[in-house]
Amino acid sequence: MILNMPKAELSITLLHMSNMRKEVRKGFKRTYSKDEYKEKMQLFDDAKNVLENALEDSEEEQDLVAIHLTMPELEFLNAFLEWYLSKLTTIDTVGSDGKKQIELLNNTCQELKNAVVAYA
């Protein structure tokens, strides 16, 4: 599936995925068996790599970036962003930059939800 995402939203999503990788890994280790944990981490890394490659391959003046995702990657990104946004919205001390990033992540999450529904 091809998802067109604004470059700013893609950059913010990648930033937060990179920052949260260690915490995601810990959570997966607690939640899943060893094989399931490895599978989930591979899916996380694959989805992150797809996003990174799409951003790197995009032209500088290009505003929308075409991202080629498999359905499992799309569903995983959607689940990750929903979980992550639920955690972010509980933080009271978010500055204006943080609020802008949360808004961009919310937009990305909504686009992913729409893509999952459209794909199904």
N, C-alpha and C. Protein backbone atom coordinates (compact mmCIF):
# COMPACT_ATOMS: atom_id res chain seq x y z
N MET A 1 0.83 -1.17 0.00
CA MET A 1 0.00 0.00 0.00
C MET A 1 0.88 1.24 0.00
N ILE A 2 0.46 2.24 -0.73
CA ILE A 2 1.21 3.50 -0.77
C ILE A 2 0.46 4.52 0.07
N LEU A 3 1.17 5.10 1.01
CA LEU A 3 0.62 6.13 1.88
C LEU A 3 1.38 7.42 1.60
N ASN A 4 0.67 8.48 1.28
CA ASN A 4 1.30 9.79 1.07
C ASN A 4 1.22 10.56 2.37
N MET A 5 2.39 10.93 2.89
CA MET A 5 2.46 11.60 4.18
C MET A 5 3.26 12.90 4.05
N PRO A 6 2.78 13.97 4.65
CA PRO A 6 3.59 15.20 4.65
C PRO A 6 4.95 14.95 5.32
N LYS A 7 5.96 15.58 4.76
CA LYS A 7 7.33 15.37 5.24
C LYS A 7 7.48 15.71 6.72
N ALA A 8 6.80 16.76 7.19
CA ALA A 8 6.91 17.14 8.61
C ALA A 8 6.35 16.04 9.51
N GLU A 9 5.21 15.48 9.14
CA GLU A 9 4.61 14.41 9.95
C GLU A 9 5.50 13.17 9.94
N LEU A 10 6.07 12.85 8.79
CA LEU A 10 6.97 11.71 8.68
C LEU A 10 8.19 11.90 9.57
N SER A 11 8.77 13.09 9.55
CA SER A 11 9.95 13.38 10.36
C SER A 11 9.66 13.25 11.86
N ILE A 12 8.53 13.80 12.28
CA ILE A 12 8.15 13.74 13.70
C ILE A 12 7.88 12.30 14.12
N THR A 13 7.21 11.54 13.26
CA THR A 13 6.94 10.13 13.57
C THR A 13 8.24 9.36 13.73
N LEU A 14 9.19 9.57 12.82
CA LEU A 14 10.49 8.90 12.92
C LEU A 14 11.24 9.30 14.18
N LEU A 15 11.21 10.57 14.51
CA LEU A 15 11.88 11.05 15.71
C LEU A 15 11.34 10.34 16.95
N HIS A 16 10.04 10.27 17.06
CA HIS A 16 9.44 9.65 18.24
C HIS A 16 9.64 8.13 18.24
N MET A 17 9.61 7.50 17.07
CA MET A 17 9.88 6.07 17.02
C MET A 17 11.31 5.77 17.46
N SER A 18 12.24 6.59 17.01
CA SER A 18 13.64 6.39 17.39
C SER A 18 13.84 6.58 18.89
N ASN A 19 13.21 7.60 19.43
CA ASN A 19 13.34 7.87 20.87
C ASN A 19 12.70 6.78 21.72
N MET A 20 11.67 6.15 21.22
CA MET A 20 10.92 5.18 22.03
C MET A 20 11.34 3.73 21.80
N ARG A 21 12.30 3.46 20.93
CA ARG A 21 12.65 2.08 20.61
C ARG A 21 13.01 1.26 21.84
N LYS A 22 13.81 1.82 22.71
CA LYS A 22 14.24 1.10 23.92
C LYS A 22 13.04 0.76 24.80
N GLU A 23 12.14 1.71 24.98
CA GLU A 23 10.95 1.47 25.81
C GLU A 23 10.01 0.46 25.16
N VAL A 24 9.89 0.54 23.85
CA VAL A 24 9.06 -0.42 23.12
C VAL A 24 9.63 -1.83 23.28
N ARG A 25 10.95 -1.94 23.16
CA ARG A 25 11.62 -3.23 23.31
C ARG A 25 11.35 -3.82 24.70
N LYS A 26 11.48 -3.00 25.72
CA LYS A 26 11.21 -3.46 27.09
C LYS A 26 9.77 -3.92 27.24
N GLY A 27 8.84 -3.15 26.69
CA GLY A 27 7.43 -3.51 26.77
C GLY A 27 7.13 -4.81 26.04
N PHE A 28 7.72 -4.99 24.87
CA PHE A 28 7.51 -6.23 24.12
C PHE A 28 8.08 -7.43 24.86
N LYS A 29 9.25 -7.23 25.50
CA LYS A 29 9.86 -8.34 26.25
C LYS A 29 8.96 -8.77 27.40
N ARG A 30 8.32 -7.80 28.07
CA ARG A 30 7.43 -8.13 29.19
C ARG A 30 6.13 -8.77 28.72
N THR A 31 5.67 -8.40 27.54
CA THR A 31 4.34 -8.79 27.09
C THR A 31 4.33 -10.08 26.29
N TYR A 32 5.34 -10.33 25.49
CA TYR A 32 5.30 -11.43 24.53
C TYR A 32 6.32 -12.52 24.87
N SER A 33 6.10 -13.69 24.29
CA SER A 33 7.08 -14.77 24.40
C SER A 33 8.32 -14.37 23.59
N LYS A 34 9.39 -15.13 23.73
CA LYS A 34 10.64 -14.78 23.07
C LYS A 34 10.47 -14.69 21.55
N ASP A 35 9.77 -15.64 20.95
CA ASP A 35 9.57 -15.63 19.50
C ASP A 35 8.68 -14.47 19.07
N GLU A 36 7.59 -14.23 19.82
CA GLU A 36 6.68 -13.13 19.50
C GLU A 36 7.39 -11.78 19.67
N TYR A 37 8.21 -11.69 20.71
CA TYR A 37 8.97 -10.46 20.96
C TYR A 37 9.88 -10.14 19.77
N LYS A 38 10.60 -11.16 19.30
CA LYS A 38 11.49 -10.96 18.16
C LYS A 38 10.72 -10.55 16.91
N GLU A 39 9.57 -11.17 16.72
CA GLU A 39 8.73 -10.85 15.56
C GLU A 39 8.22 -9.41 15.63
N LYS A 40 7.77 -8.99 16.81
CA LYS A 40 7.25 -7.63 16.99
C LYS A 40 8.37 -6.59 16.82
N MET A 41 9.54 -6.87 17.36
CA MET A 41 10.66 -5.93 17.22
C MET A 41 11.09 -5.84 15.75
N GLN A 42 11.06 -6.97 15.05
CA GLN A 42 11.41 -6.94 13.63
C GLN A 42 10.41 -6.09 12.85
N LEU A 43 9.13 -6.21 13.20
CA LEU A 43 8.10 -5.40 12.56
C LEU A 43 8.30 -3.92 12.86
N PHE A 44 8.63 -3.60 14.11
CA PHE A 44 8.93 -2.21 14.50
C PHE A 44 10.09 -1.67 13.67
N ASP A 45 11.18 -2.44 13.62
CA ASP A 45 12.37 -2.00 12.88
C ASP A 45 12.10 -1.90 11.38
N ASP A 46 11.35 -2.85 10.84
CA ASP A 46 11.02 -2.80 9.41
C ASP A 46 10.20 -1.56 9.07
N ALA A 47 9.19 -1.28 9.89
CA ALA A 47 8.34 -0.11 9.65
C ALA A 47 9.17 1.17 9.76
N LYS A 48 10.03 1.23 10.76
CA LYS A 48 10.88 2.41 10.94
C LYS A 48 11.83 2.57 9.76
N ASN A 49 12.40 1.47 9.28
CA ASN A 49 13.31 1.53 8.13
C ASN A 49 12.60 1.99 6.86
N VAL A 50 11.36 1.52 6.66
CA VAL A 50 10.59 1.96 5.50
C VAL A 50 10.39 3.47 5.55
N LEU A 51 10.03 3.98 6.72
CA LEU A 51 9.83 5.42 6.87
C LEU A 51 11.14 6.19 6.63
N GLU A 52 12.24 5.69 7.20
CA GLU A 52 13.53 6.34 7.02
C GLU A 52 13.94 6.38 5.55
N ASN A 53 13.78 5.25 4.87
CA ASN A 53 14.15 5.18 3.46
C ASN A 53 13.29 6.10 2.60
N ALA A 54 11.99 6.17 2.91
CA ALA A 54 11.11 7.06 2.16
C ALA A 54 11.52 8.51 2.35
N LEU A 55 11.88 8.88 3.56
CA LEU A 55 12.32 10.25 3.83
C LEU A 55 13.63 10.56 3.13
N GLU A 56 14.58 9.63 3.19
CA GLU A 56 15.88 9.83 2.55
C GLU A 56 15.75 9.91 1.03
N ASP A 57 14.83 9.13 0.46
CA ASP A 57 14.68 9.09 -0.99
C ASP A 57 13.86 10.26 -1.54
N SER A 58 13.18 10.98 -0.66
CA SER A 58 12.35 12.09 -1.13
C SER A 58 13.24 13.27 -1.52
N GLU A 59 12.73 14.04 -2.45
CA GLU A 59 13.45 15.23 -2.88
C GLU A 59 13.22 16.35 -1.87
N GLU A 60 14.18 17.25 -1.76
CA GLU A 60 14.14 18.29 -0.74
C GLU A 60 12.90 19.18 -0.85
N GLU A 61 12.52 19.55 -2.06
CA GLU A 61 11.38 20.45 -2.22
C GLU A 61 10.04 19.72 -2.23
N GLN A 62 10.08 18.43 -2.12
CA GLN A 62 8.86 17.61 -2.11
C GLN A 62 8.18 17.70 -0.75
N ASP A 63 6.89 18.03 -0.73
CA ASP A 63 6.16 18.17 0.53
C ASP A 63 5.55 16.84 0.98
N LEU A 64 4.97 16.09 0.04
CA LEU A 64 4.40 14.78 0.37
C LEU A 64 5.40 13.69 0.00
N VAL A 65 5.47 12.69 0.87
CA VAL A 65 6.38 11.58 0.65
C VAL A 65 5.54 10.32 0.47
N ALA A 66 5.80 9.59 -0.61
CA ALA A 66 5.10 8.33 -0.86
C ALA A 66 5.81 7.22 -0.09
N ILE A 67 5.05 6.53 0.76
CA ILE A 67 5.61 5.48 1.60
C ILE A 67 4.95 4.15 1.21
N HIS A 68 5.76 3.17 0.87
CA HIS A 68 5.27 1.86 0.48
C HIS A 68 5.29 0.95 1.70
N LEU A 69 4.12 0.66 2.24
CA LEU A 69 4.00 -0.14 3.46
C LEU A 69 3.21 -1.42 3.19
N THR A 70 3.60 -2.48 3.87
CA THR A 70 2.78 -3.68 3.86
C THR A 70 1.65 -3.48 4.85
N MET A 71 0.62 -4.30 4.76
CA MET A 71 -0.50 -4.17 5.70
C MET A 71 -0.05 -4.38 7.15
N PRO A 72 0.79 -5.40 7.45
CA PRO A 72 1.26 -5.54 8.84
C PRO A 72 2.03 -4.31 9.34
N GLU A 73 2.84 -3.70 8.49
CA GLU A 73 3.57 -2.49 8.89
C GLU A 73 2.61 -1.34 9.14
N LEU A 74 1.63 -1.20 8.28
CA LEU A 74 0.63 -0.14 8.43
C LEU A 74 -0.16 -0.31 9.72
N GLU A 75 -0.61 -1.53 9.99
CA GLU A 75 -1.35 -1.80 11.22
C GLU A 75 -0.48 -1.59 12.45
N PHE A 76 0.79 -1.98 12.36
CA PHE A 76 1.70 -1.80 13.49
C PHE A 76 1.91 -0.31 13.78
N LEU A 77 2.18 0.47 12.74
CA LEU A 77 2.37 1.91 12.94
C LEU A 77 1.14 2.55 13.55
N ASN A 78 -0.02 2.13 13.09
CA ASN A 78 -1.26 2.66 13.65
C ASN A 78 -1.37 2.32 15.13
N ALA A 79 -1.11 1.06 15.49
CA ALA A 79 -1.19 0.64 16.89
C ALA A 79 -0.15 1.36 17.74
N PHE A 80 1.06 1.50 17.22
CA PHE A 80 2.12 2.18 17.96
C PHE A 80 1.73 3.64 18.23
N LEU A 81 1.26 4.34 17.20
CA LEU A 81 0.91 5.75 17.38
C LEU A 81 -0.27 5.93 18.32
N GLU A 82 -1.26 5.05 18.24
CA GLU A 82 -2.39 5.15 19.17
C GLU A 82 -1.91 4.98 20.61
N TRP A 83 -1.06 3.97 20.85
CA TRP A 83 -0.53 3.73 22.19
C TRP A 83 0.31 4.93 22.65
N TYR A 84 1.19 5.38 21.77
CA TYR A 84 2.11 6.45 22.12
C TYR A 84 1.36 7.76 22.39
N LEU A 85 0.38 8.07 21.56
CA LEU A 85 -0.40 9.29 21.77
C LEU A 85 -1.21 9.24 23.06
N SER A 86 -1.68 8.06 23.42
CA SER A 86 -2.41 7.95 24.69
C SER A 86 -1.49 8.27 25.86
N LYS A 87 -0.22 7.89 25.75
CA LYS A 87 0.76 8.21 26.80
C LYS A 87 1.11 9.70 26.79
N LEU A 88 1.27 10.28 25.61
CA LEU A 88 1.64 11.69 25.51
C LEU A 88 0.55 12.61 26.04
N THR A 89 -0.69 12.27 25.81
CA THR A 89 -1.78 13.15 26.22
C THR A 89 -1.96 13.20 27.73
N THR A 90 -1.33 12.29 28.45
CA THR A 90 -1.42 12.32 29.91
C THR A 90 -0.39 13.25 30.54
N ILE A 91 0.53 13.76 29.73
CA ILE A 91 1.58 14.65 30.24
C ILE A 91 1.04 16.08 30.24
N ASP A 92 1.08 16.72 31.41
CA ASP A 92 0.55 18.08 31.55
C ASP A 92 1.55 19.17 31.18
N THR A 93 2.83 18.86 31.25
CA THR A 93 3.85 19.90 31.10
C THR A 93 4.43 19.94 29.69
N VAL A 94 3.59 19.81 28.69
CA VAL A 94 4.05 19.85 27.30
C VAL A 94 4.06 21.30 26.84
N GLY A 95 5.20 21.73 26.31
CA GLY A 95 5.30 23.10 25.80
C GLY A 95 4.63 23.24 24.44
N SER A 96 4.75 24.42 23.85
CA SER A 96 4.09 24.66 22.57
C SER A 96 4.68 23.79 21.45
N ASP A 97 5.99 23.56 21.46
CA ASP A 97 6.59 22.67 20.46
C ASP A 97 6.07 21.25 20.62
N GLY A 98 5.94 20.81 21.86
CA GLY A 98 5.41 19.48 22.13
C GLY A 98 3.98 19.34 21.66
N LYS A 99 3.20 20.39 21.86
CA LYS A 99 1.80 20.35 21.41
C LYS A 99 1.71 20.28 19.89
N LYS A 100 2.60 20.98 19.20
CA LYS A 100 2.63 20.92 17.74
C LYS A 100 2.99 19.51 17.27
N GLN A 101 3.96 18.89 17.95
CA GLN A 101 4.36 17.53 17.58
C GLN A 101 3.23 16.54 17.84
N ILE A 102 2.54 16.71 18.96
CA ILE A 102 1.40 15.83 19.27
C ILE A 102 0.32 16.00 18.20
N GLU A 103 0.09 17.23 17.76
CA GLU A 103 -0.91 17.47 16.72
C GLU A 103 -0.51 16.77 15.42
N LEU A 104 0.78 16.85 15.05
CA LEU A 104 1.26 16.18 13.84
C LEU A 104 1.13 14.67 13.97
N LEU A 105 1.45 14.15 15.14
CA LEU A 105 1.32 12.70 15.36
C LEU A 105 -0.15 12.28 15.31
N ASN A 106 -1.04 13.11 15.85
CA ASN A 106 -2.47 12.82 15.75
C ASN A 106 -2.93 12.77 14.30
N ASN A 107 -2.45 13.71 13.49
CA ASN A 107 -2.79 13.71 12.07
C ASN A 107 -2.29 12.44 11.39
N THR A 108 -1.06 12.06 11.70
CA THR A 108 -0.49 10.84 11.13
C THR A 108 -1.30 9.63 11.55
N CYS A 109 -1.66 9.56 12.80
CA CYS A 109 -2.44 8.44 13.32
C CYS A 109 -3.79 8.36 12.60
N GLN A 110 -4.43 9.48 12.39
CA GLN A 110 -5.72 9.50 11.70
C GLN A 110 -5.57 9.04 10.25
N GLU A 111 -4.50 9.47 9.58
CA GLU A 111 -4.25 9.03 8.21
C GLU A 111 -4.01 7.52 8.16
N LEU A 112 -3.30 6.99 9.13
CA LEU A 112 -3.05 5.56 9.17
C LEU A 112 -4.34 4.78 9.41
N LYS A 113 -5.18 5.29 10.31
CA LYS A 113 -6.47 4.64 10.55
C LYS A 113 -7.30 4.61 9.27
N ASN A 114 -7.34 5.74 8.56
CA ASN A 114 -8.10 5.81 7.32
C ASN A 114 -7.53 4.83 6.27
N ALA A 115 -6.21 4.72 6.23
CA ALA A 115 -5.57 3.81 5.28
C ALA A 115 -5.89 2.35 5.62
N VAL A 116 -5.89 2.01 6.91
CA VAL A 116 -6.20 0.65 7.33
C VAL A 116 -7.64 0.30 6.94
N VAL A 117 -8.55 1.23 7.18
CA VAL A 117 -9.96 1.01 6.83
C VAL A 117 -10.13 0.89 5.32
N ALA A 118 -9.46 1.75 4.57
CA ALA A 118 -9.57 1.73 3.11
C ALA A 118 -8.97 0.45 2.53
N TYR A 119 -7.93 -0.05 3.14
CA TYR A 119 -7.23 -1.24 2.66
C TYR A 119 -8.04 -2.50 2.92
N ALA A 120 -8.80 -2.49 4.01
CA ALA A 120 -9.55 -3.69 4.43
C ALA A 120 -10.73 -3.98 3.55
